[in-house]
Amino acid sequence: MQELVGSLAAFLTTVAFVPQAYKIYKTNQTKDLSLSLFLIFSSGVFMWLIYGIMIKDFPIMIANTITLFLSLYILYKKISIDKIEKSI
């Protein structure tokens, strides 16, 4: 039961970023996103990934690798779009 709950939690928190990443991909807009939130969040997810590697927990490693990828994509788009908008 513990593993089921943990796996479901990992799945839901990972999938939660898919709609945001998809919306950014389709609209190319990030003006309402907080840069500091995604910087802090990405750092936290990276630390969870390191933790998962240290304790050799495959579900933690997979979930946080995917979440980190989505979060870094959003962060990259936020920084690059803000840079373009400031130069206009």
PDB file of N, CA and C in Angstrom:
ATOM      1  N   MET A   1       0.824  -1.196   0.000  1.00  0.00           N
ATOM      2  CA  MET A   1       0.000   0.000   0.000  1.00  0.00           C
ATOM      3  C   MET A   1       0.871   1.266   0.000  1.00  0.00           C
ATOM      4  N   GLN A   2       1.970   1.228   0.744  1.00  0.00           N
ATOM      5  CA  GLN A   2       2.873   2.380   0.794  1.00  0.00           C
ATOM      6  C   GLN A   2       3.417   2.711  -0.590  1.00  0.00           C
ATOM      7  N   GLU A   3       3.836   1.683  -1.294  1.00  0.00           N
ATOM      8  CA  GLU A   3       4.410   1.894  -2.619  1.00  0.00           C
ATOM      9  C   GLU A   3       3.368   2.423  -3.600  1.00  0.00           C
ATOM     10  N   LEU A   4       2.145   1.963  -3.481  1.00  0.00           N
ATOM     11  CA  LEU A   4       1.065   2.436  -4.343  1.00  0.00           C
ATOM     12  C   LEU A   4       0.794   3.919  -4.101  1.00  0.00           C
ATOM     13  N   VAL A   5       0.703   4.298  -2.842  1.00  0.00           N
ATOM     14  CA  VAL A   5       0.464   5.706  -2.497  1.00  0.00           C
ATOM     15  C   VAL A   5       1.622   6.574  -2.982  1.00  0.00           C
ATOM     16  N   GLY A   6       2.852   6.130  -2.754  1.00  0.00           N
ATOM     17  CA  GLY A   6       4.026   6.881  -3.201  1.00  0.00           C
ATOM     18  C   GLY A   6       4.091   7.007  -4.714  1.00  0.00           C
ATOM     19  N   SER A   7       3.783   5.931  -5.402  1.00  0.00           N
ATOM     20  CA  SER A   7       3.793   5.961  -6.870  1.00  0.00           C
ATOM     21  C   SER A   7       2.715   6.874  -7.416  1.00  0.00           C
ATOM     22  N   LEU A   8       1.532   6.827  -6.817  1.00  0.00           N
ATOM     23  CA  LEU A   8       0.442   7.707  -7.254  1.00  0.00           C
ATOM     24  C   LEU A   8       0.792   9.168  -6.990  1.00  0.00           C
ATOM     25  N   ALA A   9       1.377   9.452  -5.841  1.00  0.00           N
ATOM     26  CA  ALA A   9       1.800  10.818  -5.516  1.00  0.00           C
ATOM     27  C   ALA A   9       2.850  11.303  -6.511  1.00  0.00           C
ATOM     28  N   ALA A  10       3.821  10.473  -6.804  1.00  0.00           N
ATOM     29  CA  ALA A  10       4.867  10.835  -7.767  1.00  0.00           C
ATOM     30  C   ALA A  10       4.268  11.088  -9.145  1.00  0.00           C
ATOM     31  N   PHE A  11       3.364  10.231  -9.562  1.00  0.00           N
ATOM     32  CA  PHE A  11       2.722  10.390 -10.867  1.00  0.00           C
ATOM     33  C   PHE A  11       1.943  11.700 -10.942  1.00  0.00           C
ATOM     34  N   LEU A  12       1.116  11.966  -9.942  1.00  0.00           N
ATOM     35  CA  LEU A  12       0.280  13.172  -9.964  1.00  0.00           C
ATOM     36  C   LEU A  12       1.100  14.457  -9.911  1.00  0.00           C
ATOM     37  N   THR A  13       2.123  14.504  -9.059  1.00  0.00           N
ATOM     38  CA  THR A  13       2.915  15.735  -8.971  1.00  0.00           C
ATOM     39  C   THR A  13       3.765  15.945 -10.220  1.00  0.00           C
ATOM     40  N   THR A  14       4.119  14.879 -10.891  1.00  0.00           N
ATOM     41  CA  THR A  14       4.869  14.994 -12.145  1.00  0.00           C
ATOM     42  C   THR A  14       3.959  15.446 -13.275  1.00  0.00           C
ATOM     43  N   VAL A  15       2.818  14.798 -13.405  1.00  0.00           N
ATOM     44  CA  VAL A  15       1.873  15.098 -14.484  1.00  0.00           C
ATOM     45  C   VAL A  15       1.268  16.499 -14.328  1.00  0.00           C
ATOM     46  N   ALA A  16       1.272  17.030 -13.118  1.00  0.00           N
ATOM     47  CA  ALA A  16       0.701  18.353 -12.875  1.00  0.00           C
ATOM     48  C   ALA A  16       1.368  19.439 -13.721  1.00  0.00           C
ATOM     49  N   PHE A  17       2.602  19.241 -14.119  1.00  0.00           N
ATOM     50  CA  PHE A  17       3.319  20.247 -14.900  1.00  0.00           C
ATOM     51  C   PHE A  17       3.104  20.123 -16.399  1.00  0.00           C
ATOM     52  N   VAL A  18       2.550  19.024 -16.841  1.00  0.00           N
ATOM     53  CA  VAL A  18       2.332  18.824 -18.279  1.00  0.00           C
ATOM     54  C   VAL A  18       1.393  19.881 -18.868  1.00  0.00           C
ATOM     55  N   PRO A  19       0.238  20.183 -18.259  1.00  0.00           N
ATOM     56  CA  PRO A  19      -0.629  21.213 -18.848  1.00  0.00           C
ATOM     57  C   PRO A  19       0.044  22.580 -18.967  1.00  0.00           C
ATOM     58  N   GLN A  20       0.833  22.961 -17.965  1.00  0.00           N
ATOM     59  CA  GLN A  20       1.517  24.261 -18.020  1.00  0.00           C
ATOM     60  C   GLN A  20       2.565  24.280 -19.119  1.00  0.00           C
ATOM     61  N   ALA A  21       3.356  23.231 -19.204  1.00  0.00           N
ATOM     62  CA  ALA A  21       4.382  23.153 -20.245  1.00  0.00           C
ATOM     63  C   ALA A  21       3.740  23.147 -21.629  1.00  0.00           C
ATOM     64  N   TYR A  22       2.647  22.430 -21.781  1.00  0.00           N
ATOM     65  CA  TYR A  22       1.940  22.377 -23.071  1.00  0.00           C
ATOM     66  C   TYR A  22       1.370  23.743 -23.434  1.00  0.00           C
ATOM     67  N   LYS A  23       0.789  24.430 -22.460  1.00  0.00           N
ATOM     68  CA  LYS A  23       0.232  25.764 -22.707  1.00  0.00           C
ATOM     69  C   LYS A  23       1.327  26.732 -23.154  1.00  0.00           C
ATOM     70  N   ILE A  24       2.463  26.682 -22.512  1.00  0.00           N
ATOM     71  CA  ILE A  24       3.583  27.546 -22.897  1.00  0.00           C
ATOM     72  C   ILE A  24       4.051  27.192 -24.303  1.00  0.00           C
ATOM     73  N   TYR A  25       4.128  25.907 -24.596  1.00  0.00           N
ATOM     74  CA  TYR A  25       4.533  25.446 -25.929  1.00  0.00           C
ATOM     75  C   TYR A  25       3.580  25.986 -27.000  1.00  0.00           C
ATOM     76  N   LYS A  26       2.275  25.934 -26.733  1.00  0.00           N
ATOM     77  CA  LYS A  26       1.282  26.364 -27.718  1.00  0.00           C
ATOM     78  C   LYS A  26       1.187  27.888 -27.832  1.00  0.00           C
ATOM     79  N   THR A  27       1.245  28.613 -26.709  1.00  0.00           N
ATOM     80  CA  THR A  27       1.018  30.057 -26.730  1.00  0.00           C
ATOM     81  C   THR A  27       2.303  30.874 -26.752  1.00  0.00           C
ATOM     82  N   ASN A  28       3.409  30.281 -26.333  1.00  0.00           N
ATOM     83  CA  ASN A  28       4.688  30.982 -26.216  1.00  0.00           C
ATOM     84  C   ASN A  28       4.576  32.195 -25.293  1.00  0.00           C
ATOM     85  N   GLN A  29       3.762  32.068 -24.242  1.00  0.00           N
ATOM     86  CA  GLN A  29       3.585  33.151 -23.281  1.00  0.00           C
ATOM     87  C   GLN A  29       3.845  32.653 -21.863  1.00  0.00           C
ATOM     88  N   THR A  30       4.593  33.466 -21.116  1.00  0.00           N
ATOM     89  CA  THR A  30       4.934  33.104 -19.729  1.00  0.00           C
ATOM     90  C   THR A  30       4.819  34.288 -18.783  1.00  0.00           C
ATOM     91  N   LYS A  31       4.183  35.364 -19.223  1.00  0.00           N
ATOM     92  CA  LYS A  31       4.194  36.602 -18.439  1.00  0.00           C
ATOM     93  C   LYS A  31       3.600  36.460 -17.037  1.00  0.00           C
ATOM     94  N   ASP A  32       2.675  35.533 -16.838  1.00  0.00           N
ATOM     95  CA  ASP A  32       2.044  35.375 -15.527  1.00  0.00           C
ATOM     96  C   ASP A  32       2.751  34.368 -14.623  1.00  0.00           C
ATOM     97  N   LEU A  33       3.854  33.812 -15.080  1.00  0.00           N
ATOM     98  CA  LEU A  33       4.592  32.843 -14.272  1.00  0.00           C
ATOM     99  C   LEU A  33       5.651  33.540 -13.429  1.00  0.00           C
ATOM    100  N   SER A  34       5.863  33.017 -12.249  1.00  0.00           N
ATOM    101  CA  SER A  34       6.865  33.562 -11.344  1.00  0.00           C
ATOM    102  C   SER A  34       8.224  32.915 -11.614  1.00  0.00           C
ATOM    103  N   LEU A  35       9.186  33.731 -11.996  1.00  0.00           N
ATOM    104  CA  LEU A  35      10.541  33.238 -12.233  1.00  0.00           C
ATOM    105  C   LEU A  35      11.140  32.663 -10.956  1.00  0.00           C
ATOM    106  N   SER A  36      10.976  33.356  -9.835  1.00  0.00           N
ATOM    107  CA  SER A  36      11.559  32.878  -8.581  1.00  0.00           C
ATOM    108  C   SER A  36      10.946  31.541  -8.161  1.00  0.00           C
ATOM    109  N   LEU A  37       9.657  31.353  -8.375  1.00  0.00           N
ATOM    110  CA  LEU A  37       9.038  30.068  -8.041  1.00  0.00           C
ATOM    111  C   LEU A  37       9.688  28.941  -8.819  1.00  0.00           C
ATOM    112  N   PHE A  38       9.865  29.121 -10.122  1.00  0.00           N
ATOM    113  CA  PHE A  38      10.425  28.045 -10.933  1.00  0.00           C
ATOM    114  C   PHE A  38      11.917  27.839 -10.683  1.00  0.00           C
ATOM    115  N   LEU A  39      12.642  28.876 -10.290  1.00  0.00           N
ATOM    116  CA  LEU A  39      14.040  28.699  -9.895  1.00  0.00           C
ATOM    117  C   LEU A  39      14.141  27.867  -8.623  1.00  0.00           C
ATOM    118  N   ILE A  40      13.340  28.226  -7.631  1.00  0.00           N
ATOM    119  CA  ILE A  40      13.355  27.498  -6.358  1.00  0.00           C
ATOM    120  C   ILE A  40      12.820  26.085  -6.550  1.00  0.00           C
ATOM    121  N   PHE A  41      11.721  25.950  -7.279  1.00  0.00           N
ATOM    122  CA  PHE A  41      11.126  24.636  -7.496  1.00  0.00           C
ATOM    123  C   PHE A  41      12.087  23.709  -8.235  1.00  0.00           C
ATOM    124  N   SER A  42      12.706  24.206  -9.301  1.00  0.00           N
ATOM    125  CA  SER A  42      13.650  23.384 -10.062  1.00  0.00           C
ATOM    126  C   SER A  42      14.819  22.934  -9.190  1.00  0.00           C
ATOM    127  N   SER A  43      15.288  23.821  -8.326  1.00  0.00           N
ATOM    128  CA  SER A  43      16.371  23.457  -7.403  1.00  0.00           C
ATOM    129  C   SER A  43      15.919  22.364  -6.442  1.00  0.00           C
ATOM    130  N   GLY A  44      14.707  22.489  -5.929  1.00  0.00           N
ATOM    131  CA  GLY A  44      14.167  21.477  -5.024  1.00  0.00           C
ATOM    132  C   GLY A  44      14.002  20.127  -5.700  1.00  0.00           C
ATOM    133  N   VAL A  45      13.486  20.135  -6.919  1.00  0.00           N
ATOM    134  CA  VAL A  45      13.311  18.888  -7.666  1.00  0.00           C
ATOM    135  C   VAL A  45      14.670  18.256  -7.956  1.00  0.00           C
ATOM    136  N   PHE A  46      15.661  19.078  -8.280  1.00  0.00           N
ATOM    137  CA  PHE A  46      17.012  18.558  -8.497  1.00  0.00           C
ATOM    138  C   PHE A  46      17.541  17.872  -7.238  1.00  0.00           C
ATOM    139  N   MET A  47      17.289  18.481  -6.085  1.00  0.00           N
ATOM    140  CA  MET A  47      17.731  17.881  -4.824  1.00  0.00           C
ATOM    141  C   MET A  47      16.991  16.571  -4.552  1.00  0.00           C
ATOM    142  N   TRP A  48      15.698  16.500  -4.875  1.00  0.00           N
ATOM    143  CA  TRP A  48      14.955  15.242  -4.744  1.00  0.00           C
ATOM    144  C   TRP A  48      15.547  14.170  -5.652  1.00  0.00           C
ATOM    145  N   LEU A  49      15.936  14.561  -6.846  1.00  0.00           N
ATOM    146  CA  LEU A  49      16.558  13.613  -7.772  1.00  0.00           C
ATOM    147  C   LEU A  49      17.866  13.081  -7.183  1.00  0.00           C
ATOM    148  N   ILE A  50      18.691  13.971  -6.655  1.00  0.00           N
ATOM    149  CA  ILE A  50      19.948  13.562  -6.028  1.00  0.00           C
ATOM    150  C   ILE A  50      19.661  12.616  -4.855  1.00  0.00           C
ATOM    151  N   TYR A  51      18.674  12.964  -4.054  1.00  0.00           N
ATOM    152  CA  TYR A  51      18.282  12.121  -2.928  1.00  0.00           C
ATOM    153  C   TYR A  51      17.868  10.730  -3.414  1.00  0.00           C
ATOM    154  N   GLY A  52      17.051  10.682  -4.459  1.00  0.00           N
ATOM    155  CA  GLY A  52      16.623   9.401  -5.016  1.00  0.00           C
ATOM    156  C   GLY A  52      17.793   8.563  -5.499  1.00  0.00           C
ATOM    157  N   ILE A  53      18.764   9.225  -6.110  1.00  0.00           N
ATOM    158  CA  ILE A  53      19.976   8.521  -6.559  1.00  0.00           C
ATOM    159  C   ILE A  53      20.764   8.001  -5.359  1.00  0.00           C
ATOM    160  N   MET A  54      20.883   8.830  -4.333  1.00  0.00           N
ATOM    161  CA  MET A  54      21.650   8.437  -3.147  1.00  0.00           C
ATOM    162  C   MET A  54      21.050   7.222  -2.451  1.00  0.00           C
ATOM    163  N   ILE A  55      19.717   7.157  -2.389  1.00  0.00           N
ATOM    164  CA  ILE A  55      19.092   6.022  -1.695  1.00  0.00           C
ATOM    165  C   ILE A  55      18.682   4.920  -2.671  1.00  0.00           C
ATOM    166  N   LYS A  56      19.008   5.140  -3.952  1.00  0.00           N
ATOM    167  CA  LYS A  56      18.735   4.150  -5.003  1.00  0.00           C
ATOM    168  C   LYS A  56      17.245   3.797  -5.082  1.00  0.00           C
ATOM    169  N   ASP A  57      16.405   4.852  -5.065  1.00  0.00           N
ATOM    170  CA  ASP A  57      14.954   4.665  -5.154  1.00  0.00           C
ATOM    171  C   ASP A  57      14.497   5.033  -6.564  1.00  0.00           C
ATOM    172  N   PHE A  58      14.227   4.010  -7.360  1.00  0.00           N
ATOM    173  CA  PHE A  58      13.902   4.194  -8.771  1.00  0.00           C
ATOM    174  C   PHE A  58      12.673   5.084  -8.994  1.00  0.00           C
ATOM    175  N   PRO A  59      11.551   4.897  -8.285  1.00  0.00           N
ATOM    176  CA  PRO A  59      10.404   5.783  -8.501  1.00  0.00           C
ATOM    177  C   PRO A  59      10.721   7.261  -8.232  1.00  0.00           C
ATOM    178  N   ILE A  60      11.495   7.536  -7.194  1.00  0.00           N
ATOM    179  CA  ILE A  60      11.874   8.930  -6.906  1.00  0.00           C
ATOM    180  C   ILE A  60      12.765   9.468  -8.020  1.00  0.00           C
ATOM    181  N   MET A  61      13.678   8.654  -8.509  1.00  0.00           N
ATOM    182  CA  MET A  61      14.567   9.094  -9.587  1.00  0.00           C
ATOM    183  C   MET A  61      13.786   9.392 -10.865  1.00  0.00           C
ATOM    184  N   ILE A  62      12.893   8.494 -11.253  1.00  0.00           N
ATOM    185  CA  ILE A  62      12.129   8.675 -12.498  1.00  0.00           C
ATOM    186  C   ILE A  62      11.204   9.874 -12.394  1.00  0.00           C
ATOM    187  N   ALA A  63      10.424   9.939 -11.329  1.00  0.00           N
ATOM    188  CA  ALA A  63       9.471  11.035 -11.171  1.00  0.00           C
ATOM    189  C   ALA A  63      10.172  12.391 -11.176  1.00  0.00           C
ATOM    190  N   ASN A  64      11.278  12.488 -10.465  1.00  0.00           N
ATOM    191  CA  ASN A  64      11.961  13.773 -10.372  1.00  0.00           C
ATOM    192  C   ASN A  64      12.767  14.107 -11.626  1.00  0.00           C
ATOM    193  N   THR A  65      13.209  13.116 -12.364  1.00  0.00           N
ATOM    194  CA  THR A  65      13.849  13.383 -13.655  1.00  0.00           C
ATOM    195  C   THR A  65      12.839  13.997 -14.617  1.00  0.00           C
ATOM    196  N   ILE A  66      11.654  13.417 -14.684  1.00  0.00           N
ATOM    197  CA  ILE A  66      10.614  13.938 -15.577  1.00  0.00           C
ATOM    198  C   ILE A  66      10.157  15.316 -15.117  1.00  0.00           C
ATOM    199  N   THR A  67       9.917  15.464 -13.815  1.00  0.00           N
ATOM    200  CA  THR A  67       9.492  16.761 -13.283  1.00  0.00           C
ATOM    201  C   THR A  67      10.552  17.823 -13.517  1.00  0.00           C
ATOM    202  N   LEU A  68      11.816  17.469 -13.324  1.00  0.00           N
ATOM    203  CA  LEU A  68      12.902  18.425 -13.552  1.00  0.00           C
ATOM    204  C   LEU A  68      12.947  18.843 -15.012  1.00  0.00           C
ATOM    205  N   PHE A  69      12.786  17.904 -15.925  1.00  0.00           N
ATOM    206  CA  PHE A  69      12.770  18.226 -17.343  1.00  0.00           C
ATOM    207  C   PHE A  69      11.646  19.220 -17.655  1.00  0.00           C
ATOM    208  N   LEU A  70      10.443  18.956 -17.168  1.00  0.00           N
ATOM    209  CA  LEU A  70       9.308  19.855 -17.413  1.00  0.00           C
ATOM    210  C   LEU A  70       9.542  21.220 -16.776  1.00  0.00           C
ATOM    211  N   SER A  71      10.035  21.222 -15.549  1.00  0.00           N
ATOM    212  CA  SER A  71      10.279  22.474 -14.843  1.00  0.00           C
ATOM    213  C   SER A  71      11.373  23.298 -15.521  1.00  0.00           C
ATOM    214  N   LEU A  72      12.434  22.638 -15.974  1.00  0.00           N
ATOM    215  CA  LEU A  72      13.508  23.367 -16.661  1.00  0.00           C
ATOM    216  C   LEU A  72      13.050  23.891 -18.015  1.00  0.00           C
ATOM    217  N   TYR A  73      12.178  23.156 -18.694  1.00  0.00           N
ATOM    218  CA  TYR A  73      11.607  23.656 -19.951  1.00  0.00           C
ATOM    219  C   TYR A  73      10.824  24.935 -19.685  1.00  0.00           C
ATOM    220  N   ILE A  74       9.972  24.922 -18.657  1.00  0.00           N
ATOM    221  CA  ILE A  74       9.177  26.104 -18.306  1.00  0.00           C
ATOM    222  C   ILE A  74      10.107  27.248 -17.903  1.00  0.00           C
ATOM    223  N   LEU A  75      11.111  26.966 -17.114  1.00  0.00           N
ATOM    224  CA  LEU A  75      12.082  27.978 -16.677  1.00  0.00           C
ATOM    225  C   LEU A  75      12.822  28.569 -17.872  1.00  0.00           C
ATOM    226  N   TYR A  76      13.271  27.717 -18.777  1.00  0.00           N
ATOM    227  CA  TYR A  76      13.972  28.185 -19.977  1.00  0.00           C
ATOM    228  C   TYR A  76      13.065  29.108 -20.798  1.00  0.00           C
ATOM    229  N   LYS A  77      11.825  28.685 -21.017  1.00  0.00           N
ATOM    230  CA  LYS A  77      10.900  29.509 -21.799  1.00  0.00           C
ATOM    231  C   LYS A  77      10.618  30.828 -21.086  1.00  0.00           C
ATOM    232  N   LYS A  78      10.443  30.794 -19.779  1.00  0.00           N
ATOM    233  CA  LYS A  78      10.190  32.007 -19.007  1.00  0.00           C
ATOM    234  C   LYS A  78      11.346  32.991 -19.172  1.00  0.00           C
ATOM    235  N   ILE A  79      12.566  32.525 -19.016  1.00  0.00           N
ATOM    236  CA  ILE A  79      13.736  33.407 -19.125  1.00  0.00           C
ATOM    237  C   ILE A  79      13.892  33.927 -20.544  1.00  0.00           C
ATOM    238  N   SER A  80      13.788  33.058 -21.533  1.00  0.00           N
ATOM    239  CA  SER A  80      14.008  33.487 -22.919  1.00  0.00           C
ATOM    240  C   SER A  80      12.907  34.408 -23.421  1.00  0.00           C
ATOM    241  N   ILE A  81      11.665  34.139 -23.074  1.00  0.00           N
ATOM    242  CA  ILE A  81      10.565  35.008 -23.519  1.00  0.00           C
ATOM    243  C   ILE A  81      10.630  36.350 -22.811  1.00  0.00           C
ATOM    244  N   ASP A  82      10.920  36.357 -21.507  1.00  0.00           N
ATOM    245  CA  ASP A  82      11.066  37.632 -20.785  1.00  0.00           C
ATOM    246  C   ASP A  82      12.189  38.465 -21.373  1.00  0.00           C
ATOM    247  N   LYS A  83      13.276  37.831 -21.746  1.00  0.00           N
ATOM    248  CA  LYS A  83      14.419  38.542 -22.344  1.00  0.00           C
ATOM    249  C   LYS A  83      14.022  39.191 -23.658  1.00  0.00           C
ATOM    250  N   ILE A  84      13.301  38.458 -24.472  1.00  0.00           N
ATOM    251  CA  ILE A  84      12.830  38.995 -25.763  1.00  0.00           C
ATOM    252  C   ILE A  84      11.878  40.150 -25.545  1.00  0.00           C
ATOM    253  N   GLU A  85      10.939  39.990 -24.611  1.00  0.00           N
ATOM    254  CA  GLU A  85       9.943  41.050 -24.353  1.00  0.00           C
ATOM    255  C   GLU A  85      10.591  42.318 -23.800  1.00  0.00           C
ATOM    256  N   LYS A  86      11.645  42.176 -23.026  1.00  0.00           N
ATOM    257  CA  LYS A  86      12.333  43.347 -22.479  1.00  0.00           C
ATOM    258  C   LYS A  86      13.115  44.099 -23.552  1.00  0.00           C
ATOM    259  N   SER A  87      13.549  43.381 -24.579  1.00  0.00           N
ATOM    260  CA  SER A  87      14.341  44.023 -25.627  1.00  0.00           C
ATOM    261  C   SER A  87      13.466  44.701 -26.677  1.00  0.00           C
ATOM    262  N   ILE A  88      12.174  44.452 -26.624  1.00  0.00           N
ATOM    263  CA  ILE A  88      11.281  45.067 -27.625  1.00  0.00           C
ATOM    264  C   ILE A  88      10.879  46.458 -27.207  1.00  0.00           C
TER     265      ILE A  88
END
